[in-house]
Amino acid sequence: MAQILDCYPYRDKQGERPRFFCLRCGQEQYSYDPPGVGGICRRCRRQERKREENAMTLQEMSTTYRAQAQRLRERIRSLEAAGRQAESKTERERLNGRALALTPIWRETRDLAVLLENYYERGYRRNDRYTL
């Protein structure tokens, strides 16, 4: 009995040389493959397009930064409250030290949220520390 093979369409890669190799993934591209643009194959271009569609805008990033800054501020406040209620001096110093370490991170996150919110406004005076 003859066996049916699922090998269609058949590509004889030994019969011809590749037209080019994709610069991103290194995949061989032959004459019957869709043409590449700028040395990049169709699959890599599709992945790049998906990445561009999923990219966040600066306004969306600002809301994320704002939420993170709020979480950091709440954590700092809870550490400070726990430090005030701590019974031993070493425990108080440890908790206050953790709160102190988070404070500059909170400030920078808050400042970046403001910068990203107002980045495209003409009259907005930007913070000198941050440039995009």
N, C-alpha and C. Protein backbone atom coordinates (compact mmCIF):
# COMPACT_ATOMS: atom_id res chain seq x y z
N MET A 1 0.83 -1.16 0.00
CA MET A 1 0.00 0.00 0.00
C MET A 1 0.88 1.24 0.00
N ALA A 2 0.55 2.20 -0.80
CA ALA A 2 1.35 3.42 -0.91
C ALA A 2 1.08 4.32 0.28
N GLN A 3 2.13 4.94 0.75
CA GLN A 3 2.01 5.83 1.90
C GLN A 3 1.89 7.27 1.40
N ILE A 4 0.93 8.04 1.93
CA ILE A 4 0.73 9.42 1.52
C ILE A 4 1.56 10.30 2.44
N LEU A 5 2.33 11.19 1.84
CA LEU A 5 3.19 12.08 2.60
C LEU A 5 2.56 13.46 2.70
N ASP A 6 2.73 14.09 3.85
CA ASP A 6 2.20 15.44 4.07
C ASP A 6 3.29 16.49 3.84
N CYS A 7 4.11 16.32 2.84
CA CYS A 7 5.28 17.19 2.64
C CYS A 7 5.04 18.27 1.59
N TYR A 8 3.87 18.71 1.40
CA TYR A 8 3.65 19.73 0.38
C TYR A 8 3.53 21.08 1.06
N PRO A 9 3.86 22.20 0.50
CA PRO A 9 4.58 22.28 -0.76
C PRO A 9 6.03 21.87 -0.55
N TYR A 10 6.55 21.16 -1.50
CA TYR A 10 7.90 20.62 -1.42
C TYR A 10 8.91 21.70 -1.77
N ARG A 11 9.89 21.90 -0.92
CA ARG A 11 10.95 22.87 -1.18
C ARG A 11 12.26 22.12 -1.33
N ASP A 12 12.86 22.26 -2.46
CA ASP A 12 14.14 21.61 -2.70
C ASP A 12 15.24 22.60 -2.34
N LYS A 13 15.62 22.63 -1.07
CA LYS A 13 16.63 23.58 -0.62
C LYS A 13 18.01 23.24 -1.16
N GLN A 14 18.21 22.01 -1.55
CA GLN A 14 19.51 21.65 -2.09
C GLN A 14 19.65 22.08 -3.54
N GLY A 15 18.53 22.32 -4.20
CA GLY A 15 18.57 22.66 -5.61
C GLY A 15 18.95 24.11 -5.89
N GLU A 16 18.74 25.00 -4.98
CA GLU A 16 19.09 26.40 -5.21
C GLU A 16 19.71 26.99 -3.95
N ARG A 17 20.44 28.05 -4.14
CA ARG A 17 21.07 28.74 -3.02
C ARG A 17 20.10 29.75 -2.43
N PRO A 18 20.23 30.05 -1.15
CA PRO A 18 19.34 31.05 -0.56
C PRO A 18 19.55 32.42 -1.20
N ARG A 19 18.44 33.15 -1.35
CA ARG A 19 18.51 34.49 -1.91
C ARG A 19 19.20 35.43 -0.92
N PHE A 20 18.82 35.32 0.37
CA PHE A 20 19.49 36.08 1.42
C PHE A 20 19.21 35.42 2.76
N PHE A 21 19.93 35.87 3.77
CA PHE A 21 19.73 35.42 5.13
C PHE A 21 19.17 36.60 5.92
N CYS A 22 18.17 36.33 6.75
CA CYS A 22 17.58 37.40 7.56
C CYS A 22 18.64 37.93 8.53
N LEU A 23 18.74 39.23 8.62
CA LEU A 23 19.73 39.84 9.50
C LEU A 23 19.40 39.67 10.98
N ARG A 24 18.13 39.47 11.30
CA ARG A 24 17.73 39.32 12.70
C ARG A 24 17.81 37.87 13.17
N CYS A 25 17.14 36.97 12.45
CA CYS A 25 17.05 35.58 12.94
C CYS A 25 17.99 34.63 12.22
N GLY A 26 18.56 35.04 11.07
CA GLY A 26 19.47 34.19 10.33
C GLY A 26 18.80 33.15 9.46
N GLN A 27 17.49 33.20 9.34
CA GLN A 27 16.73 32.24 8.54
C GLN A 27 17.07 32.41 7.05
N GLU A 28 17.22 31.28 6.35
CA GLU A 28 17.47 31.31 4.91
C GLU A 28 16.20 31.73 4.17
N GLN A 29 16.34 32.59 3.19
CA GLN A 29 15.20 33.03 2.38
C GLN A 29 15.48 32.66 0.93
N TYR A 30 14.52 31.97 0.30
CA TYR A 30 14.68 31.50 -1.07
C TYR A 30 13.82 32.32 -2.01
N SER A 31 13.92 32.03 -3.29
CA SER A 31 13.22 32.81 -4.31
C SER A 31 11.71 32.71 -4.17
N TYR A 32 11.17 31.62 -3.64
CA TYR A 32 9.74 31.45 -3.51
C TYR A 32 9.20 32.02 -2.19
N ASP A 33 10.08 32.48 -1.30
CA ASP A 33 9.65 33.13 -0.06
C ASP A 33 9.26 34.57 -0.36
N PRO A 34 8.37 35.16 0.47
CA PRO A 34 8.04 36.57 0.27
C PRO A 34 9.29 37.43 0.38
N PRO A 35 9.38 38.48 -0.40
CA PRO A 35 10.60 39.29 -0.41
C PRO A 35 10.85 39.96 0.94
N GLY A 36 12.11 40.05 1.29
CA GLY A 36 12.49 40.71 2.52
C GLY A 36 12.71 42.19 2.28
N VAL A 37 12.48 42.98 3.30
CA VAL A 37 12.68 44.42 3.20
C VAL A 37 13.84 44.78 4.11
N GLY A 38 14.88 45.35 3.52
CA GLY A 38 16.03 45.75 4.31
C GLY A 38 16.78 44.59 4.93
N GLY A 39 16.71 43.42 4.29
CA GLY A 39 17.43 42.26 4.80
C GLY A 39 16.73 41.57 5.97
N ILE A 40 15.46 41.88 6.18
CA ILE A 40 14.71 41.29 7.30
C ILE A 40 13.55 40.48 6.72
N CYS A 41 13.37 39.27 7.23
CA CYS A 41 12.33 38.39 6.71
C CYS A 41 10.94 38.83 7.17
N ARG A 42 9.94 38.23 6.60
CA ARG A 42 8.55 38.59 6.87
C ARG A 42 8.16 38.33 8.32
N ARG A 43 8.62 37.21 8.87
CA ARG A 43 8.29 36.87 10.24
C ARG A 43 8.86 37.89 11.24
N CYS A 44 10.09 38.31 11.02
CA CYS A 44 10.70 39.29 11.93
C CYS A 44 10.02 40.65 11.80
N ARG A 45 9.61 41.03 10.58
CA ARG A 45 8.89 42.30 10.40
C ARG A 45 7.55 42.25 11.13
N ARG A 46 6.87 41.10 11.09
CA ARG A 46 5.59 40.95 11.76
C ARG A 46 5.77 41.08 13.28
N GLN A 47 6.81 40.48 13.82
CA GLN A 47 7.07 40.58 15.25
C GLN A 47 7.38 42.02 15.64
N GLU A 48 8.12 42.73 14.80
CA GLU A 48 8.45 44.12 15.06
C GLU A 48 7.19 44.98 15.06
N ARG A 49 6.29 44.72 14.13
CA ARG A 49 5.04 45.47 14.05
C ARG A 49 4.20 45.24 15.30
N LYS A 50 4.15 44.00 15.79
CA LYS A 50 3.41 43.70 17.01
C LYS A 50 3.98 44.46 18.19
N ARG A 51 5.31 44.54 18.26
CA ARG A 51 5.96 45.26 19.34
C ARG A 51 5.58 46.73 19.31
N GLU A 52 5.53 47.31 18.09
CA GLU A 52 5.18 48.72 17.97
C GLU A 52 3.73 48.96 18.38
N GLU A 53 2.84 48.02 18.06
CA GLU A 53 1.44 48.17 18.43
C GLU A 53 1.24 48.05 19.94
N ASN A 54 2.07 47.28 20.59
CA ASN A 54 1.94 47.07 22.03
C ASN A 54 2.71 48.09 22.85
N ALA A 55 3.38 49.02 22.21
CA ALA A 55 4.19 50.00 22.93
C ALA A 55 3.29 50.95 23.71
N MET A 56 3.75 51.33 24.88
CA MET A 56 2.98 52.25 25.71
C MET A 56 3.25 53.68 25.29
N THR A 57 2.26 54.53 25.43
CA THR A 57 2.47 55.95 25.19
C THR A 57 3.02 56.57 26.47
N LEU A 58 3.53 57.78 26.38
CA LEU A 58 4.06 58.44 27.56
C LEU A 58 2.96 58.71 28.58
N GLN A 59 1.76 59.00 28.10
CA GLN A 59 0.64 59.22 29.01
C GLN A 59 0.31 57.95 29.79
N GLU A 60 0.31 56.81 29.11
CA GLU A 60 0.06 55.53 29.79
C GLU A 60 1.17 55.22 30.78
N MET A 61 2.40 55.54 30.41
CA MET A 61 3.51 55.32 31.33
C MET A 61 3.38 56.19 32.57
N SER A 62 2.88 57.42 32.39
CA SER A 62 2.75 58.33 33.53
C SER A 62 1.78 57.78 34.56
N THR A 63 0.69 57.15 34.12
CA THR A 63 -0.25 56.58 35.09
C THR A 63 0.38 55.40 35.83
N THR A 64 1.20 54.63 35.14
CA THR A 64 1.90 53.53 35.79
C THR A 64 2.89 54.05 36.83
N TYR A 65 3.65 55.08 36.45
CA TYR A 65 4.59 55.68 37.40
C TYR A 65 3.86 56.29 38.59
N ARG A 66 2.74 56.93 38.33
CA ARG A 66 1.96 57.55 39.40
C ARG A 66 1.48 56.47 40.39
N ALA A 67 0.98 55.35 39.89
CA ALA A 67 0.52 54.27 40.76
C ALA A 67 1.68 53.68 41.56
N GLN A 68 2.83 53.51 40.93
CA GLN A 68 4.00 52.98 41.66
C GLN A 68 4.46 53.95 42.74
N ALA A 69 4.42 55.25 42.44
CA ALA A 69 4.81 56.24 43.44
C ALA A 69 3.86 56.20 44.63
N GLN A 70 2.57 56.03 44.36
CA GLN A 70 1.60 55.94 45.45
C GLN A 70 1.86 54.71 46.32
N ARG A 71 2.17 53.57 45.70
CA ARG A 71 2.49 52.36 46.47
C ARG A 71 3.74 52.55 47.32
N LEU A 72 4.75 53.19 46.74
CA LEU A 72 5.98 53.44 47.50
C LEU A 72 5.70 54.34 48.68
N ARG A 73 4.90 55.39 48.47
CA ARG A 73 4.58 56.32 49.55
C ARG A 73 3.83 55.61 50.68
N GLU A 74 2.90 54.75 50.32
CA GLU A 74 2.17 53.98 51.34
C GLU A 74 3.11 53.07 52.12
N ARG A 75 4.04 52.45 51.42
CA ARG A 75 5.00 51.56 52.09
C ARG A 75 5.90 52.35 53.03
N ILE A 76 6.34 53.53 52.61
CA ILE A 76 7.18 54.37 53.47
C ILE A 76 6.42 54.76 54.73
N ARG A 77 5.16 55.14 54.56
CA ARG A 77 4.34 55.53 55.72
C ARG A 77 4.14 54.35 56.67
N SER A 78 3.91 53.16 56.12
CA SER A 78 3.72 52.00 57.00
C SER A 78 5.01 51.65 57.74
N LEU A 79 6.16 51.80 57.07
CA LEU A 79 7.44 51.54 57.74
C LEU A 79 7.69 52.56 58.84
N GLU A 80 7.36 53.83 58.58
CA GLU A 80 7.54 54.86 59.60
C GLU A 80 6.62 54.62 60.79
N ALA A 81 5.39 54.21 60.53
CA ALA A 81 4.45 53.92 61.62
C ALA A 81 4.93 52.72 62.44
N ALA A 82 5.42 51.69 61.75
CA ALA A 82 5.95 50.53 62.46
C ALA A 82 7.19 50.90 63.26
N GLY A 83 7.99 51.82 62.73
CA GLY A 83 9.17 52.28 63.46
C GLY A 83 8.81 53.03 64.72
N ARG A 84 7.73 53.82 64.69
CA ARG A 84 7.29 54.53 65.89
C ARG A 84 6.75 53.57 66.94
N GLN A 85 6.18 52.48 66.51
CA GLN A 85 5.59 51.53 67.45
C GLN A 85 6.57 50.45 67.91
N ALA A 86 7.75 50.40 67.29
CA ALA A 86 8.73 49.37 67.65
C ALA A 86 9.21 49.58 69.08
N GLU A 87 9.45 48.48 69.76
CA GLU A 87 9.85 48.56 71.16
C GLU A 87 11.36 48.73 71.32
N SER A 88 12.14 48.06 70.50
CA SER A 88 13.60 48.16 70.66
C SER A 88 14.17 49.23 69.73
N LYS A 89 15.28 49.77 70.15
CA LYS A 89 15.94 50.84 69.38
C LYS A 89 16.48 50.29 68.06
N THR A 90 17.02 49.08 68.06
CA THR A 90 17.57 48.51 66.82
C THR A 90 16.47 48.25 65.79
N GLU A 91 15.31 47.81 66.27
CA GLU A 91 14.19 47.58 65.35
C GLU A 91 13.70 48.90 64.75
N ARG A 92 13.64 49.95 65.57
CA ARG A 92 13.25 51.28 65.08
C ARG A 92 14.23 51.78 64.02
N GLU A 93 15.52 51.64 64.29
CA GLU A 93 16.53 52.10 63.33
C GLU A 93 16.46 51.31 62.03
N ARG A 94 16.21 50.02 62.13
CA ARG A 94 16.12 49.19 60.93
C ARG A 94 14.93 49.60 60.08
N LEU A 95 13.78 49.80 60.68
CA LEU A 95 12.58 50.19 59.94
C LEU A 95 12.72 51.60 59.35
N ASN A 96 13.27 52.51 60.13
CA ASN A 96 13.47 53.87 59.62
C ASN A 96 14.51 53.90 58.51
N GLY A 97 15.50 53.03 58.60
CA GLY A 97 16.51 52.94 57.53
C GLY A 97 15.90 52.44 56.22
N ARG A 98 14.99 51.48 56.33
CA ARG A 98 14.31 50.99 55.12
C ARG A 98 13.44 52.08 54.51
N ALA A 99 12.74 52.83 55.35
CA ALA A 99 11.92 53.93 54.85
C ALA A 99 12.79 55.01 54.21
N LEU A 100 13.93 55.26 54.82
CA LEU A 100 14.84 56.28 54.28
C LEU A 100 15.41 55.86 52.93
N ALA A 101 15.65 54.57 52.75
CA ALA A 101 16.18 54.07 51.47
C ALA A 101 15.13 54.16 50.36
N LEU A 102 13.86 54.02 50.70
CA LEU A 102 12.79 54.09 49.69
C LEU A 102 12.41 55.52 49.30
N THR A 103 12.75 56.49 50.13
CA THR A 103 12.33 57.87 49.88
C THR A 103 12.86 58.44 48.57
N PRO A 104 14.15 58.32 48.23
CA PRO A 104 14.59 58.86 46.93
C PRO A 104 13.96 58.14 45.73
N ILE A 105 13.68 56.85 45.88
CA ILE A 105 13.03 56.12 44.79
C ILE A 105 11.62 56.66 44.59
N TRP A 106 10.92 56.93 45.69
CA TRP A 106 9.57 57.50 45.61
C TRP A 106 9.61 58.88 44.94
N ARG A 107 10.57 59.73 45.33
CA ARG A 107 10.67 61.07 44.74
C ARG A 107 10.92 61.01 43.23
N GLU A 108 11.85 60.16 42.83
CA GLU A 108 12.15 60.05 41.40
C GLU A 108 10.98 59.51 40.61
N THR A 109 10.28 58.54 41.16
CA THR A 109 9.11 57.97 40.48
C THR A 109 8.02 59.02 40.34
N ARG A 110 7.79 59.78 41.39
CA ARG A 110 6.79 60.86 41.35
C ARG A 110 7.18 61.93 40.33
N ASP A 111 8.45 62.34 40.32
CA ASP A 111 8.91 63.36 39.37
C ASP A 111 8.80 62.89 37.93
N LEU A 112 9.13 61.63 37.68
CA LEU A 112 9.01 61.10 36.33
C LEU A 112 7.56 60.99 35.88
N ALA A 113 6.65 60.70 36.81
CA ALA A 113 5.23 60.67 36.46
C ALA A 113 4.77 62.05 36.01
N VAL A 114 5.18 63.09 36.71
CA VAL A 114 4.81 64.45 36.34
C VAL A 114 5.42 64.82 34.99
N LEU A 115 6.68 64.46 34.78
CA LEU A 115 7.34 64.76 33.52
C LEU A 115 6.64 64.09 32.35
N LEU A 116 6.29 62.82 32.51
CA LEU A 116 5.63 62.09 31.42
C LEU A 116 4.22 62.60 31.16
N GLU A 117 3.52 63.04 32.19
CA GLU A 117 2.18 63.59 32.00
C GLU A 117 2.21 64.85 31.14
N ASN A 118 3.21 65.68 31.36
CA ASN A 118 3.26 67.00 30.72
C ASN A 118 4.29 67.10 29.61
N TYR A 119 4.80 66.00 29.15
CA TYR A 119 5.94 66.04 28.22
C TYR A 119 5.62 66.78 26.93
N TYR A 120 4.42 66.62 26.39
CA TYR A 120 4.11 67.22 25.09
C TYR A 120 3.46 68.59 25.20
N GLU A 121 3.31 69.13 26.39
CA GLU A 121 2.75 70.47 26.55
C GLU A 121 3.84 71.49 26.26
N ARG A 122 3.50 72.49 25.48
CA ARG A 122 4.50 73.47 25.07
C ARG A 122 4.99 74.34 26.22
N GLY A 123 4.09 74.78 27.07
CA GLY A 123 4.47 75.72 28.13
C GLY A 123 5.04 75.07 29.37
N TYR A 124 5.11 73.75 29.39
CA TYR A 124 5.58 73.07 30.60
C TYR A 124 7.08 73.22 30.75
N ARG A 125 7.50 73.66 31.91
CA ARG A 125 8.93 73.80 32.21
C ARG A 125 9.41 72.49 32.81
N ARG A 126 10.27 71.83 32.11
CA ARG A 126 10.72 70.50 32.52
C ARG A 126 11.70 70.56 33.67
N ASN A 127 11.74 69.49 34.41
CA ASN A 127 12.70 69.33 35.47
C ASN A 127 14.09 69.17 34.85
N ASP A 128 15.06 69.88 35.36
CA ASP A 128 16.41 69.86 34.78
C ASP A 128 17.11 68.52 34.96
N ARG A 129 16.69 67.73 35.93
CA ARG A 129 17.36 66.46 36.16
C ARG A 129 17.02 65.42 35.10
N TYR A 130 15.84 65.52 34.52
CA TYR A 130 15.38 64.49 33.58
C TYR A 130 15.24 65.07 32.19
N THR A 131 15.88 64.44 31.26
CA THR A 131 15.71 64.80 29.86
C THR A 131 15.44 63.52 29.09
N LEU A 132 14.54 63.59 28.16
CA LEU A 132 14.21 62.42 27.34
C LEU A 132 14.73 62.60 25.95
